[in-house]
Amino acid sequence: MSSEPASTDTVQGGRVQPTPQKPSASTGTGSGKITDQQLRHIQKNALKHSGAEPSAIKDSLPQIQGRPDGSDRARLVANAECEKRARQSRAADAWHLSGLPTRHIRFRRGQVDDAWSQKLTSLHKLLGSGFLVALLGDRGTGKTQMACELVRSQVWREEQNSCRYVWMIEIFMAIKATFSKQAVRAETEELQRFISPQLLIIDEAHDRGDTAWEDRVLSYLIDKRYGDLRDTLIVSNQKPDEFKKSIGPSIYSRLIETGGIIECIWPSFRQAEGG
């Protein structure tokens, strides 16, 4: 996947949620030590961008008040900056490993409306709860973009920020590939790649054969993720009744229990752009 541009920040809950990018490696001396001049520079930047004392400094002020040189304070600022850079790095790694479509990385807020934003907000509130949600609607209503923005939020979580985007048919293709004598993974190992991410986006769920084998694989995958409290978003162009019939009573029951159906019932954004 190509690197995403810095201009793809999105707004969530009234604040800007940045696109994850690797932090630059400009800080450091090559020896792993930070000079006093660099500490002062880090301190200045941290205070400038935060508008307040960094939390790491606030917590340690009782221990360092009265020290004239301020070196301990500066080192605390440096530690806070290092933690920030480590978080940025973790988010960037999760973002690049997610498998999101490049087209949907370049998101502009003006491309959607308030109804779309409200549905996204409801999904954000479920993150980390082990939800199973179906995102249903006609083509062009921004379902895949909504899934992409959910991933953008997921990668910034402090813990368990792993995520993966995949088409339904790709799951079955990957598992069938393990049946070959030349396969590099066993079937259970391949399945684990879809079980382990904390957030799994299954797009194009309507595009499958509805065979008994596919039903068993999908039920096993969903049941394992349900038991492990991992978030799963299924995206489909189907109507609710058609979707319910397609996934079967077991999965539908877990879906109603942990998240339900979110319908995208507004006109296609693609048609609006074309008009």
C-alpha atoms as a PDB file:
ATOM      1  CA  MET A   1       0.000   0.000   0.000  1.00  0.00           C
ATOM      2  CA  SER A   2       1.234   3.467  -0.787  1.00  0.00           C
ATOM      3  CA  SER A   3       1.923   5.954   1.982  1.00  0.00           C
ATOM      4  CA  GLU A   4      -1.045   8.117   2.899  1.00  0.00           C
ATOM      5  CA  PRO A   5      -0.760  11.913   2.712  1.00  0.00           C
ATOM      6  CA  ALA A   6      -0.645  14.119   5.763  1.00  0.00           C
ATOM      7  CA  SER A   7      -3.731  15.979   4.542  1.00  0.00           C
ATOM      8  CA  THR A   8      -6.135  13.129   5.267  1.00  0.00           C
ATOM      9  CA  ASP A   9      -6.976  14.041   8.872  1.00  0.00           C
ATOM     10  CA  THR A  10     -10.622  13.550   9.843  1.00  0.00           C
ATOM     11  CA  VAL A  11     -12.846  15.057  12.519  1.00  0.00           C
ATOM     12  CA  GLN A  12     -14.250  12.885  15.282  1.00  0.00           C
ATOM     13  CA  GLY A  13     -16.115  14.123  18.314  1.00  0.00           C
ATOM     14  CA  GLY A  14     -15.200  17.730  17.568  1.00  0.00           C
ATOM     15  CA  ARG A  15     -11.463  17.137  17.328  1.00  0.00           C
ATOM     16  CA  VAL A  16      -9.057  16.259  14.575  1.00  0.00           C
ATOM     17  CA  GLN A  17      -8.045  12.612  14.381  1.00  0.00           C
ATOM     18  CA  PRO A  18      -4.771  12.493  12.414  1.00  0.00           C
ATOM     19  CA  THR A  19      -3.851   9.938   9.806  1.00  0.00           C
ATOM     20  CA  PRO A  20      -1.184   7.701  11.415  1.00  0.00           C
ATOM     21  CA  GLN A  21       2.327   8.384  10.147  1.00  0.00           C
ATOM     22  CA  LYS A  22       5.741   7.276  11.269  1.00  0.00           C
ATOM     23  CA  PRO A  23       7.438   9.960  13.433  1.00  0.00           C
ATOM     24  CA  SER A  24      10.567  11.480  11.968  1.00  0.00           C
ATOM     25  CA  ALA A  25      13.897  10.356  13.381  1.00  0.00           C
ATOM     26  CA  SER A  26      15.290  13.865  13.794  1.00  0.00           C
ATOM     27  CA  THR A  27      15.713  13.645  17.590  1.00  0.00           C
ATOM     28  CA  GLY A  28      18.830  11.912  18.852  1.00  0.00           C
ATOM     29  CA  THR A  29      22.582  12.103  18.805  1.00  0.00           C
ATOM     30  CA  GLY A  30      23.402   8.707  17.328  1.00  0.00           C
ATOM     31  CA  SER A  31      24.643   7.480  20.683  1.00  0.00           C
ATOM     32  CA  GLY A  32      21.168   7.060  22.159  1.00  0.00           C
ATOM     33  CA  LYS A  33      21.703   9.996  24.591  1.00  0.00           C
ATOM     34  CA  ILE A  34      19.889  13.320  24.512  1.00  0.00           C
ATOM     35  CA  THR A  35      21.927  16.492  24.974  1.00  0.00           C
ATOM     36  CA  ASP A  36      20.817  19.409  27.163  1.00  0.00           C
ATOM     37  CA  GLN A  37      20.228  21.503  24.052  1.00  0.00           C
ATOM     38  CA  GLN A  38      17.959  18.812  22.602  1.00  0.00           C
ATOM     39  CA  LEU A  39      16.123  18.509  25.906  1.00  0.00           C
ATOM     40  CA  ARG A  40      15.410  22.252  25.886  1.00  0.00           C
ATOM     41  CA  HIS A  41      14.203  21.989  22.293  1.00  0.00           C
ATOM     42  CA  ILE A  42      11.886  19.069  23.139  1.00  0.00           C
ATOM     43  CA  GLN A  43      10.584  20.909  26.178  1.00  0.00           C
ATOM     44  CA  LYS A  44       9.826  24.022  24.156  1.00  0.00           C
ATOM     45  CA  ASN A  45       7.967  22.086  21.456  1.00  0.00           C
ATOM     46  CA  ALA A  46       6.010  19.946  23.915  1.00  0.00           C
ATOM     47  CA  LEU A  47       4.750  22.982  25.832  1.00  0.00           C
ATOM     48  CA  LYS A  48       4.006  24.875  22.615  1.00  0.00           C
ATOM     49  CA  HIS A  49       1.832  22.139  21.118  1.00  0.00           C
ATOM     50  CA  SER A  50       0.103  20.976  24.275  1.00  0.00           C
ATOM     51  CA  GLY A  51      -0.851  24.386  25.622  1.00  0.00           C
ATOM     52  CA  ALA A  52      -0.349  22.998  29.140  1.00  0.00           C
ATOM     53  CA  GLU A  53       2.091  21.026  31.203  1.00  0.00           C
ATOM     54  CA  PRO A  54       2.467  17.457  29.795  1.00  0.00           C
ATOM     55  CA  SER A  55       0.818  14.913  32.063  1.00  0.00           C
ATOM     56  CA  ALA A  56       4.113  13.201  32.741  1.00  0.00           C
ATOM     57  CA  ILE A  57       5.477  16.471  34.118  1.00  0.00           C
ATOM     58  CA  LYS A  58       2.340  17.274  36.088  1.00  0.00           C
ATOM     59  CA  ASP A  59       2.520  13.968  37.910  1.00  0.00           C
ATOM     60  CA  SER A  60       6.163  14.503  38.840  1.00  0.00           C
ATOM     61  CA  LEU A  61       6.160  18.197  39.785  1.00  0.00           C
ATOM     62  CA  PRO A  62       6.179  17.497  43.568  1.00  0.00           C
ATOM     63  CA  GLN A  63       9.458  15.587  43.199  1.00  0.00           C
ATOM     64  CA  ILE A  64      11.264  18.165  41.065  1.00  0.00           C
ATOM     65  CA  GLN A  65      10.086  21.541  42.397  1.00  0.00           C
ATOM     66  CA  GLY A  66      12.919  23.658  43.750  1.00  0.00           C
ATOM     67  CA  ARG A  67      15.628  22.185  41.516  1.00  0.00           C
ATOM     68  CA  PRO A  68      17.379  25.132  39.855  1.00  0.00           C
ATOM     69  CA  ASP A  69      18.760  23.510  36.699  1.00  0.00           C
ATOM     70  CA  GLY A  70      15.489  22.021  35.488  1.00  0.00           C
ATOM     71  CA  SER A  71      17.317  19.078  33.917  1.00  0.00           C
ATOM     72  CA  ASP A  72      15.035  16.502  35.549  1.00  0.00           C
ATOM     73  CA  ARG A  73      12.019  18.421  34.319  1.00  0.00           C
ATOM     74  CA  ALA A  74      13.457  18.496  30.807  1.00  0.00           C
ATOM     75  CA  ARG A  75      14.108  14.771  30.911  1.00  0.00           C
ATOM     76  CA  LEU A  76      10.519  14.154  31.932  1.00  0.00           C
ATOM     77  CA  VAL A  77       9.425  16.181  28.925  1.00  0.00           C
ATOM     78  CA  ALA A  78      11.762  14.111  26.765  1.00  0.00           C
ATOM     79  CA  ASN A  79      10.246  10.912  28.141  1.00  0.00           C
ATOM     80  CA  ALA A  80       6.757  12.201  27.351  1.00  0.00           C
ATOM     81  CA  GLU A  81       7.887  13.041  23.830  1.00  0.00           C
ATOM     82  CA  CYS A  82       9.366   9.562  23.397  1.00  0.00           C
ATOM     83  CA  GLU A  83       6.104   7.986  24.535  1.00  0.00           C
ATOM     84  CA  LYS A  84       4.229  10.150  22.045  1.00  0.00           C
ATOM     85  CA  ARG A  85       6.549   9.105  19.216  1.00  0.00           C
ATOM     86  CA  ALA A  86       6.215   5.426  20.177  1.00  0.00           C
ATOM     87  CA  ARG A  87       2.421   5.750  20.045  1.00  0.00           C
ATOM     88  CA  GLN A  88       2.651   7.366  16.624  1.00  0.00           C
ATOM     89  CA  SER A  89       4.831   4.508  15.436  1.00  0.00           C
ATOM     90  CA  ARG A  90       2.416   1.853  16.744  1.00  0.00           C
ATOM     91  CA  ALA A  91      -0.500   3.595  15.053  1.00  0.00           C
ATOM     92  CA  ALA A  92       1.368   3.860  11.744  1.00  0.00           C
ATOM     93  CA  ASP A  93       2.297   0.165  11.841  1.00  0.00           C
ATOM     94  CA  ALA A  94      -1.319  -0.878  12.483  1.00  0.00           C
ATOM     95  CA  TRP A  95      -2.556   1.485   9.765  1.00  0.00           C
ATOM     96  CA  HIS A  96      -0.216   0.123   7.094  1.00  0.00           C
ATOM     97  CA  LEU A  97      -0.963  -3.499   8.003  1.00  0.00           C
ATOM     98  CA  SER A  98      -4.742  -3.024   7.915  1.00  0.00           C
ATOM     99  CA  GLY A  99      -5.128  -3.556   4.153  1.00  0.00           C
ATOM    100  CA  LEU A 100      -7.411  -0.566   3.570  1.00  0.00           C
ATOM    101  CA  PRO A 101      -8.155   0.430  -0.037  1.00  0.00           C
ATOM    102  CA  THR A 102      -5.914   3.312  -1.084  1.00  0.00           C
ATOM    103  CA  ARG A 103      -8.841   5.210  -2.601  1.00  0.00           C
ATOM    104  CA  HIS A 104     -10.576   5.474   0.755  1.00  0.00           C
ATOM    105  CA  ILE A 105      -7.535   6.790   2.592  1.00  0.00           C
ATOM    106  CA  ARG A 106      -7.941  10.218   0.975  1.00  0.00           C
ATOM    107  CA  PHE A 107     -10.996  11.287   2.929  1.00  0.00           C
ATOM    108  CA  ARG A 108     -12.537  14.758   2.853  1.00  0.00           C
ATOM    109  CA  ARG A 109     -15.234  15.743   5.329  1.00  0.00           C
ATOM    110  CA  GLY A 110     -17.169  17.564   2.609  1.00  0.00           C
ATOM    111  CA  GLN A 111     -17.802  14.268   0.828  1.00  0.00           C
ATOM    112  CA  VAL A 112     -20.402  13.153   3.400  1.00  0.00           C
ATOM    113  CA  ASP A 113     -23.391  14.584   5.267  1.00  0.00           C
ATOM    114  CA  ASP A 114     -24.629  14.754   8.855  1.00  0.00           C
ATOM    115  CA  ALA A 115     -26.537  11.458   8.687  1.00  0.00           C
ATOM    116  CA  TRP A 116     -23.362   9.643   7.627  1.00  0.00           C
ATOM    117  CA  SER A 117     -21.377  11.326  10.408  1.00  0.00           C
ATOM    118  CA  GLN A 118     -23.957  10.337  13.023  1.00  0.00           C
ATOM    119  CA  LYS A 119     -23.733   6.689  12.013  1.00  0.00           C
ATOM    120  CA  LEU A 120     -19.934   6.848  12.234  1.00  0.00           C
ATOM    121  CA  THR A 121     -20.178   8.358  15.719  1.00  0.00           C
ATOM    122  CA  SER A 122     -22.399   5.481  16.850  1.00  0.00           C
ATOM    123  CA  LEU A 123     -19.767   3.014  15.608  1.00  0.00           C
ATOM    124  CA  HIS A 124     -16.968   4.871  17.404  1.00  0.00           C
ATOM    125  CA  LYS A 125     -18.817   4.450  20.686  1.00  0.00           C
ATOM    126  CA  LEU A 126     -18.791   0.664  20.239  1.00  0.00           C
ATOM    127  CA  LEU A 127     -15.042   0.304  19.660  1.00  0.00           C
ATOM    128  CA  GLY A 128     -13.442  -2.094  22.119  1.00  0.00           C
ATOM    129  CA  SER A 129     -16.725  -3.643  23.267  1.00  0.00           C
ATOM    130  CA  GLY A 130     -16.442  -6.816  21.193  1.00  0.00           C
ATOM    131  CA  PHE A 131     -19.248  -5.693  18.900  1.00  0.00           C
ATOM    132  CA  LEU A 132     -20.650  -7.442  15.842  1.00  0.00           C
ATOM    133  CA  VAL A 133     -22.347  -4.908  13.579  1.00  0.00           C
ATOM    134  CA  ALA A 134     -23.746  -5.099  10.057  1.00  0.00           C
ATOM    135  CA  LEU A 135     -23.388  -1.941   7.973  1.00  0.00           C
ATOM    136  CA  LEU A 136     -25.990  -2.180   5.214  1.00  0.00           C
ATOM    137  CA  GLY A 137     -26.949   0.102   2.335  1.00  0.00           C
ATOM    138  CA  ASP A 138     -26.980   0.656  -1.379  1.00  0.00           C
ATOM    139  CA  ARG A 139     -23.817   1.180  -3.394  1.00  0.00           C
ATOM    140  CA  GLY A 140     -22.176   4.571  -3.050  1.00  0.00           C
ATOM    141  CA  THR A 141     -23.545   5.452   0.391  1.00  0.00           C
ATOM    142  CA  GLY A 142     -20.113   5.616   2.017  1.00  0.00           C
ATOM    143  CA  LYS A 143     -20.072   2.280   3.848  1.00  0.00           C
ATOM    144  CA  THR A 144     -16.463   1.420   3.016  1.00  0.00           C
ATOM    145  CA  GLN A 145     -15.374   4.972   3.839  1.00  0.00           C
ATOM    146  CA  MET A 146     -17.084   4.672   7.209  1.00  0.00           C
ATOM    147  CA  ALA A 147     -15.199   1.435   7.836  1.00  0.00           C
ATOM    148  CA  CYS A 148     -11.941   3.175   6.902  1.00  0.00           C
ATOM    149  CA  GLU A 149     -12.605   5.974   9.394  1.00  0.00           C
ATOM    150  CA  LEU A 150     -13.323   3.386  12.081  1.00  0.00           C
ATOM    151  CA  VAL A 151      -9.907   1.847  11.412  1.00  0.00           C
ATOM    152  CA  ARG A 152      -8.350   5.317  11.635  1.00  0.00           C
ATOM    153  CA  SER A 153      -9.718   5.587  15.172  1.00  0.00           C
ATOM    154  CA  GLN A 154      -8.829   2.011  16.114  1.00  0.00           C
ATOM    155  CA  VAL A 155      -5.108   2.337  15.366  1.00  0.00           C
ATOM    156  CA  TRP A 156      -4.769   5.215  17.859  1.00  0.00           C
ATOM    157  CA  ARG A 157      -6.017   3.125  20.766  1.00  0.00           C
ATOM    158  CA  GLU A 158      -3.416   2.607  23.484  1.00  0.00           C
ATOM    159  CA  GLU A 159      -3.779  -1.176  23.522  1.00  0.00           C
ATOM    160  CA  GLN A 160      -5.067  -3.834  21.130  1.00  0.00           C
ATOM    161  CA  ASN A 161      -5.019  -1.519  18.134  1.00  0.00           C
ATOM    162  CA  SER A 162      -4.631  -4.234  15.472  1.00  0.00           C
ATOM    163  CA  CYS A 163      -7.114  -4.145  12.619  1.00  0.00           C
ATOM    164  CA  ARG A 164      -7.704  -5.694   9.230  1.00  0.00           C
ATOM    165  CA  TYR A 165      -9.859  -4.899   6.212  1.00  0.00           C
ATOM    166  CA  VAL A 166     -10.792  -7.744   3.883  1.00  0.00           C
ATOM    167  CA  TRP A 167     -13.469  -8.718   1.375  1.00  0.00           C
ATOM    168  CA  MET A 168     -15.615 -11.699   2.332  1.00  0.00           C
ATOM    169  CA  ILE A 169     -14.506 -13.662  -0.713  1.00  0.00           C
ATOM    170  CA  GLU A 170     -10.841 -13.120   0.198  1.00  0.00           C
ATOM    171  CA  ILE A 171     -11.361 -15.010   3.453  1.00  0.00           C
ATOM    172  CA  PHE A 172     -12.613 -18.058   1.610  1.00  0.00           C
ATOM    173  CA  MET A 173      -9.923 -17.786  -1.083  1.00  0.00           C
ATOM    174  CA  ALA A 174      -7.176 -17.620   1.569  1.00  0.00           C
ATOM    175  CA  ILE A 175      -8.471 -20.705   3.370  1.00  0.00           C
ATOM    176  CA  LYS A 176      -8.919 -22.694   0.166  1.00  0.00           C
ATOM    177  CA  ALA A 177      -5.308 -21.882  -0.726  1.00  0.00           C
ATOM    178  CA  THR A 178      -4.211 -23.911   2.319  1.00  0.00           C
ATOM    179  CA  PHE A 179      -5.616 -27.076   0.722  1.00  0.00           C
ATOM    180  CA  SER A 180      -2.786 -27.078  -1.821  1.00  0.00           C
ATOM    181  CA  LYS A 181       0.311 -29.219  -1.269  1.00  0.00           C
ATOM    182  CA  GLN A 182       2.379 -26.082  -1.852  1.00  0.00           C
ATOM    183  CA  ALA A 183       0.589 -24.135   0.890  1.00  0.00           C
ATOM    184  CA  VAL A 184       2.852 -22.336   3.375  1.00  0.00           C
ATOM    185  CA  ARG A 185       0.204 -22.213   6.129  1.00  0.00           C
ATOM    186  CA  ALA A 186      -2.205 -24.702   7.624  1.00  0.00           C
ATOM    187  CA  GLU A 187      -5.926 -23.968   7.549  1.00  0.00           C
ATOM    188  CA  THR A 188      -6.010 -23.113  11.254  1.00  0.00           C
ATOM    189  CA  GLU A 189      -3.069 -20.712  10.863  1.00  0.00           C
ATOM    190  CA  GLU A 190      -4.801 -18.908   8.008  1.00  0.00           C
ATOM    191  CA  LEU A 191      -8.003 -18.623   9.987  1.00  0.00           C
ATOM    192  CA  GLN A 192      -6.071 -17.142  12.900  1.00  0.00           C
ATOM    193  CA  ARG A 193      -5.047 -14.210  10.693  1.00  0.00           C
ATOM    194  CA  PHE A 194      -8.722 -13.215  10.597  1.00  0.00           C
ATOM    195  CA  ILE A 195      -9.470 -14.140  14.207  1.00  0.00           C
ATOM    196  CA  SER A 196      -6.620 -12.245  15.880  1.00  0.00           C
ATOM    197  CA  PRO A 197      -7.121  -8.567  14.819  1.00  0.00           C
ATOM    198  CA  GLN A 198      -8.961  -6.558  17.440  1.00  0.00           C
ATOM    199  CA  LEU A 199     -11.024  -4.947  14.671  1.00  0.00           C
ATOM    200  CA  LEU A 200     -11.990  -6.906  11.539  1.00  0.00           C
ATOM    201  CA  ILE A 201     -13.804  -5.246   8.635  1.00  0.00           C
ATOM    202  CA  ILE A 202     -15.479  -7.766   6.298  1.00  0.00           C
ATOM    203  CA  ASP A 203     -16.582  -5.859   3.189  1.00  0.00           C
ATOM    204  CA  GLU A 204     -18.609  -7.037   0.183  1.00  0.00           C
ATOM    205  CA  ALA A 205     -20.315  -9.643   2.376  1.00  0.00           C
ATOM    206  CA  HIS A 206     -23.062 -10.077  -0.209  1.00  0.00           C
ATOM    207  CA  ASP A 207     -20.541 -11.451  -2.725  1.00  0.00           C
ATOM    208  CA  ARG A 208     -20.243 -15.109  -1.743  1.00  0.00           C
ATOM    209  CA  GLY A 209     -21.579 -18.502  -2.765  1.00  0.00           C
ATOM    210  CA  ASP A 210     -23.769 -19.220   0.287  1.00  0.00           C
ATOM    211  CA  THR A 211     -22.487 -22.796   0.322  1.00  0.00           C
ATOM    212  CA  ALA A 212     -22.571 -25.004   3.414  1.00  0.00           C
ATOM    213  CA  TRP A 213     -18.758 -24.851   3.613  1.00  0.00           C
ATOM    214  CA  GLU A 214     -18.716 -21.050   3.521  1.00  0.00           C
ATOM    215  CA  ASP A 215     -21.446 -20.949   6.157  1.00  0.00           C
ATOM    216  CA  ARG A 216     -19.382 -23.166   8.484  1.00  0.00           C
ATOM    217  CA  VAL A 217     -16.215 -21.125   7.981  1.00  0.00           C
ATOM    218  CA  LEU A 218     -18.012 -17.830   8.585  1.00  0.00           C
ATOM    219  CA  SER A 219     -19.815 -19.154  11.666  1.00  0.00           C
ATOM    220  CA  TYR A 220     -16.545 -20.456  13.124  1.00  0.00           C
ATOM    221  CA  LEU A 221     -14.773 -17.153  12.469  1.00  0.00           C
ATOM    222  CA  ILE A 222     -17.537 -15.033  13.965  1.00  0.00           C
ATOM    223  CA  ASP A 223     -17.976 -17.328  16.979  1.00  0.00           C
ATOM    224  CA  LYS A 224     -14.255 -17.208  17.790  1.00  0.00           C
ATOM    225  CA  ARG A 225     -14.160 -13.429  17.530  1.00  0.00           C
ATOM    226  CA  TYR A 226     -17.351 -13.141  19.579  1.00  0.00           C
ATOM    227  CA  GLY A 227     -15.826 -15.294  22.319  1.00  0.00           C
ATOM    228  CA  ASP A 228     -12.601 -13.262  22.315  1.00  0.00           C
ATOM    229  CA  LEU A 229     -14.469  -9.927  22.542  1.00  0.00           C
ATOM    230  CA  ARG A 230     -13.061  -8.700  19.224  1.00  0.00           C
ATOM    231  CA  ASP A 231     -14.895  -6.075  17.171  1.00  0.00           C
ATOM    232  CA  THR A 232     -16.298  -7.180  13.794  1.00  0.00           C
ATOM    233  CA  LEU A 233     -17.956  -4.977  11.173  1.00  0.00           C
ATOM    234  CA  ILE A 234     -19.702  -6.716   8.260  1.00  0.00           C
ATOM    235  CA  VAL A 235     -20.424  -4.473   5.253  1.00  0.00           C
ATOM    236  CA  SER A 236     -23.002  -5.463   2.645  1.00  0.00           C
ATOM    237  CA  ASN A 237     -25.261  -4.026  -0.059  1.00  0.00           C
ATOM    238  CA  GLN A 238     -28.112  -6.277   1.062  1.00  0.00           C
ATOM    239  CA  LYS A 239     -31.395  -5.278   2.651  1.00  0.00           C
ATOM    240  CA  PRO A 240     -31.808  -6.290   6.322  1.00  0.00           C
ATOM    241  CA  ASP A 241     -34.110  -9.265   5.630  1.00  0.00           C
ATOM    242  CA  GLU A 242     -31.871 -10.539   2.840  1.00  0.00           C
ATOM    243  CA  PHE A 243     -28.779 -10.145   5.021  1.00  0.00           C
ATOM    244  CA  LYS A 244     -30.415 -11.980   7.933  1.00  0.00           C
ATOM    245  CA  LYS A 245     -31.257 -14.922   5.698  1.00  0.00           C
ATOM    246  CA  SER A 246     -27.752 -14.980   4.213  1.00  0.00           C
ATOM    247  CA  ILE A 247     -25.749 -15.103   7.463  1.00  0.00           C
ATOM    248  CA  GLY A 248     -28.025 -17.521   9.302  1.00  0.00           C
ATOM    249  CA  PRO A 249     -29.687 -17.470  12.731  1.00  0.00           C
ATOM    250  CA  SER A 250     -26.549 -18.102  14.827  1.00  0.00           C
ATOM    251  CA  ILE A 251     -24.569 -15.116  13.546  1.00  0.00           C
ATOM    252  CA  TYR A 252     -27.661 -12.927  13.423  1.00  0.00           C
ATOM    253  CA  SER A 253     -28.386 -13.687  17.086  1.00  0.00           C
ATOM    254  CA  ARG A 254     -24.874 -12.629  18.133  1.00  0.00           C
ATOM    255  CA  LEU A 255     -25.177  -9.511  15.984  1.00  0.00           C
ATOM    256  CA  ILE A 256     -28.422  -8.402  17.655  1.00  0.00           C
ATOM    257  CA  GLU A 257     -26.870  -9.040  21.074  1.00  0.00           C
ATOM    258  CA  THR A 258     -23.671  -7.035  20.573  1.00  0.00           C
ATOM    259  CA  GLY A 259     -24.319  -4.312  18.010  1.00  0.00           C
ATOM    260  CA  GLY A 260     -27.143  -4.776  15.540  1.00  0.00           C
ATOM    261  CA  ILE A 261     -27.670  -3.345  12.076  1.00  0.00           C
ATOM    262  CA  ILE A 262     -26.768   0.156  10.920  1.00  0.00           C
ATOM    263  CA  GLU A 263     -28.545   1.165   7.723  1.00  0.00           C
ATOM    264  CA  CYS A 264     -27.195   3.742   5.285  1.00  0.00           C
ATOM    265  CA  ILE A 265     -30.466   4.862   3.676  1.00  0.00           C
ATOM    266  CA  TRP A 266     -29.425   8.159   2.098  1.00  0.00           C
ATOM    267  CA  PRO A 267     -28.812   8.720  -1.650  1.00  0.00           C
ATOM    268  CA  SER A 268     -25.549   7.628  -3.266  1.00  0.00           C
ATOM    269  CA  PHE A 269     -22.692  10.096  -2.851  1.00  0.00           C
ATOM    270  CA  ARG A 270     -21.354   8.962  -6.211  1.00  0.00           C
ATOM    271  CA  GLN A 271     -24.494  10.095  -7.990  1.00  0.00           C
ATOM    272  CA  ALA A 272     -24.394  13.399  -6.145  1.00  0.00           C
ATOM    273  CA  GLU A 273     -20.812  13.972  -7.301  1.00  0.00           C
ATOM    274  CA  GLY A 274     -21.724  13.003 -10.855  1.00  0.00           C
ATOM    275  CA  GLY A 275     -24.664  15.381 -10.894  1.00  0.00           C
END
